[in-house]
Protein backbone atom coordinates (compact mmCIF):
# COMPACT_ATOMS: atom_id res chain seq x y z
CA MET A 1 -0.04 0.06 0.13
CA ILE A 2 1.62 2.83 -1.25
CA MET A 3 -0.15 6.41 -0.13
CA ALA A 4 0.87 9.93 -1.26
CA SER A 5 2.40 10.76 1.74
CA ASN A 6 5.20 9.43 3.82
CA LYS A 7 3.37 9.32 6.96
CA ALA A 8 0.60 6.32 5.94
CA TYR A 9 3.47 4.38 4.20
CA MET A 10 5.04 1.59 5.86
CA ARG A 11 7.55 -1.32 5.01
CA GLY A 12 7.34 -4.47 5.65
CA SER A 13 5.66 -6.71 8.10
CA VAL A 14 5.32 -4.95 12.09
CA ALA A 15 4.02 -8.73 13.12
CA TYR A 16 6.75 -9.95 12.18
CA LYS A 17 9.00 -7.64 14.21
CA LEU A 18 6.84 -7.66 17.38
CA GLU A 19 6.83 -11.87 17.24
CA GLU A 20 10.82 -11.26 17.08
CA LYS A 21 10.82 -9.55 20.01
CA LYS A 22 8.50 -11.60 21.77
CA THR A 23 10.50 -14.55 20.89
CA ILE A 24 13.80 -12.64 22.31
CA GLU A 25 12.03 -11.73 25.28
CA ALA A 26 10.73 -15.36 25.95
CA GLN A 27 14.52 -16.68 25.36
CA GLN A 28 15.66 -13.58 27.85
CA GLU A 29 13.02 -14.74 30.42
CA ARG A 30 13.98 -18.53 29.45
CA SER A 31 17.59 -17.96 30.25
CA LYS A 32 16.53 -16.08 33.32
CA LYS A 33 14.60 -18.64 34.66
CA VAL A 34 17.43 -21.32 33.61
CA GLU A 35 19.92 -19.04 35.91
CA LYS A 36 17.59 -18.58 38.44
CA LYS A 37 17.27 -22.23 38.45
CA SER A 38 20.76 -23.11 37.94
CA LYS A 39 21.80 -20.16 40.82
CA LYS A 40 19.31 -22.46 43.53
CA ASN A 41 20.93 -25.72 42.20
CA PHE A 42 24.31 -24.29 43.28
CA ALA A 43 23.14 -23.41 46.31
CA LYS A 44 21.13 -26.79 47.44
CA PHE A 45 24.75 -28.74 46.11
CA VAL A 46 26.41 -25.69 48.00
CA ILE A 47 24.05 -26.62 51.16
CA THR A 48 24.29 -30.53 51.19
CA VAL A 49 28.30 -30.66 50.35
CA VAL A 50 28.02 -28.21 54.10
CA PHE A 51 25.84 -30.68 55.24
CA ILE A 52 27.73 -33.69 54.86
CA SER A 53 30.54 -32.55 55.64
CA PHE A 54 29.51 -31.66 58.95
CA ILE A 55 28.00 -34.82 59.44
CA SER A 56 31.32 -36.70 58.37
CA PHE A 57 33.02 -34.26 60.77
CA ALA A 58 30.89 -35.22 63.83
CA LEU A 59 31.35 -38.72 62.77
CA LEU A 60 35.01 -38.62 62.82
CA VAL A 61 35.10 -37.18 65.98
CA ARG A 62 32.95 -39.83 67.44
CA PHE A 63 35.16 -42.09 66.53
CA PHE A 64 38.12 -40.53 67.62
CA TYR A 65 36.52 -40.52 71.02
CA ILE A 66 35.27 -43.96 70.65
CA LEU A 67 39.25 -45.49 69.74
CA LYS A 68 40.62 -43.33 72.86
CA LEU A 69 37.81 -44.80 74.76
CA ASN A 70 39.40 -48.02 73.54
CA ALA A 71 43.10 -47.37 74.34
CA GLU A 72 42.00 -45.98 77.80
CA ILE A 73 40.10 -49.74 78.54
CA ARG A 74 43.42 -51.82 76.95
CA SER A 75 45.58 -49.67 79.53
CA ILE A 76 43.59 -50.23 82.51
CA LYS A 77 43.17 -53.72 81.65
CA LYS A 78 47.18 -53.75 81.89
CA GLU A 79 47.12 -52.49 85.14
CA ILE A 80 44.33 -54.46 86.49
CA LYS A 81 46.55 -57.87 85.32
CA LEU A 82 49.74 -56.14 86.80
CA MET A 83 48.06 -56.21 89.92
CA GLN A 84 46.37 -59.95 89.86
CA ASP A 85 49.63 -60.75 89.25
CA GLU A 86 51.26 -58.92 92.38
CA ASN A 87 48.28 -60.46 94.25
CA ASP A 88 49.01 -64.03 93.48
CA ASN A 89 52.87 -63.01 94.10
CA LEU A 90 52.03 -61.97 97.40
CA ARG A 91 49.69 -65.11 98.52
CA VAL A 92 52.04 -66.78 97.65
CA GLU A 93 54.33 -65.19 99.81
CA ILE A 94 52.12 -65.57 102.85
CA ALA A 95 51.66 -68.93 101.98
CA LYS A 96 55.56 -69.24 102.47
CA LEU A 97 55.70 -67.84 106.10
CA ASN A 98 52.17 -69.05 107.18
CA ASN A 99 54.45 -71.83 108.16
CA ILE A 100 54.38 -72.48 111.94
CA LYS A 101 57.85 -74.41 111.47
CA ASP A 102 59.09 -70.69 109.97
CA ILE A 103 57.42 -68.55 112.01
CA ASP A 104 59.38 -70.39 115.37
CA ARG A 105 62.54 -69.87 113.39
CA ILE A 106 62.32 -66.51 112.54
CA ALA A 107 60.97 -65.33 116.23
CA VAL A 108 64.05 -67.24 117.44
CA GLN A 109 66.57 -66.36 115.04
CA LYS A 110 65.30 -62.81 114.48
CA TYR A 111 64.09 -61.28 117.40
CA GLY A 112 65.70 -63.65 120.31
CA MET A 113 62.32 -64.69 121.52
CA ILE A 114 62.73 -68.41 123.61
CA VAL A 115 59.99 -70.85 124.44
CA PRO A 116 58.60 -70.18 127.47
CA HIS A 117 58.75 -72.33 130.94
CA PRO A 118 55.37 -73.97 131.91
CA SER A 119 55.70 -72.56 135.47
CA ASP A 120 56.21 -69.20 133.51
CA VAL A 121 52.69 -69.31 132.07
CA HIS A 122 50.30 -68.18 133.41
CA TYR A 123 46.27 -68.54 132.06
CA LEU A 124 43.56 -65.63 132.54
CA GLU A 125 40.20 -66.45 132.20
CA VAL A 126 38.25 -64.07 129.64
CA THR A 127 34.79 -64.08 129.64
CA PRO A 128 33.38 -62.81 125.76
CA LEU A 129 32.01 -58.78 125.49
CA ASN A 130 28.48 -58.87 124.99
CA ILE A 131 28.94 -61.01 128.63
CA ALA A 132 30.90 -58.39 130.11
CA ASP A 133 28.65 -55.45 128.74
CA LYS A 134 25.73 -56.89 129.96
CA GLU A 135 27.25 -56.92 132.91
CA ASP A 136 28.23 -53.27 132.79
CA GLU A 137 25.52 -52.45 132.09
CA LYS A 138 23.62 -53.59 135.45
CA THR A 139 26.31 -52.29 137.42
CA ASN A 140 25.61 -49.01 135.78
CA ASN A 141 21.86 -49.22 136.61
CA LYS A 142 22.47 -50.16 139.90
CA MET A 143 24.69 -47.12 140.61
CA ALA A 144 22.31 -44.61 138.51
CA PHE A 145 19.81 -45.91 141.03
CA ILE A 146 21.50 -45.22 143.91
CA TYR A 147 22.43 -41.63 142.63
CA ARG A 148 19.03 -40.62 141.67
CA LEU A 149 18.25 -41.89 145.70
CA LEU A 150 21.30 -39.61 146.78
CA GLY A 151 20.12 -36.78 144.91
CA LEU A 152 16.46 -37.04 146.63
CA ILE A 153 17.50 -36.76 149.82
CA ASN A 154 19.95 -34.29 149.56
């Protein structure tokens, strides 16, 4: 369509240019969406890596603690074994020294003790402690009664 005035004259199709602009804008929008998705994916990736690193570090610390405790248990078991061996040695030594003949020999040789003559031996009658305590209580009760009577008289 050619018209007499320049103002009304158009060349080409305007619709094509609009379509081209729309497709460029759509491509730009798609590229922006892809960038946003890639940024979101990267953020998720970073968060996942940080989370896995934290969990791994926590597990390593826990395993280190367990290994440390196992080493302590082993050292304590060694100490217990040494103490048991020492106890066994001491029991053997006690059994050796617990022989009456050895005790007599050591008493005579080392400390100069002698077997007493039968005339030097004096026997004492000893009452069991529970009977002696009962007799002391009876005596104390009688004395307490006498002191109470004397207190009333004064």
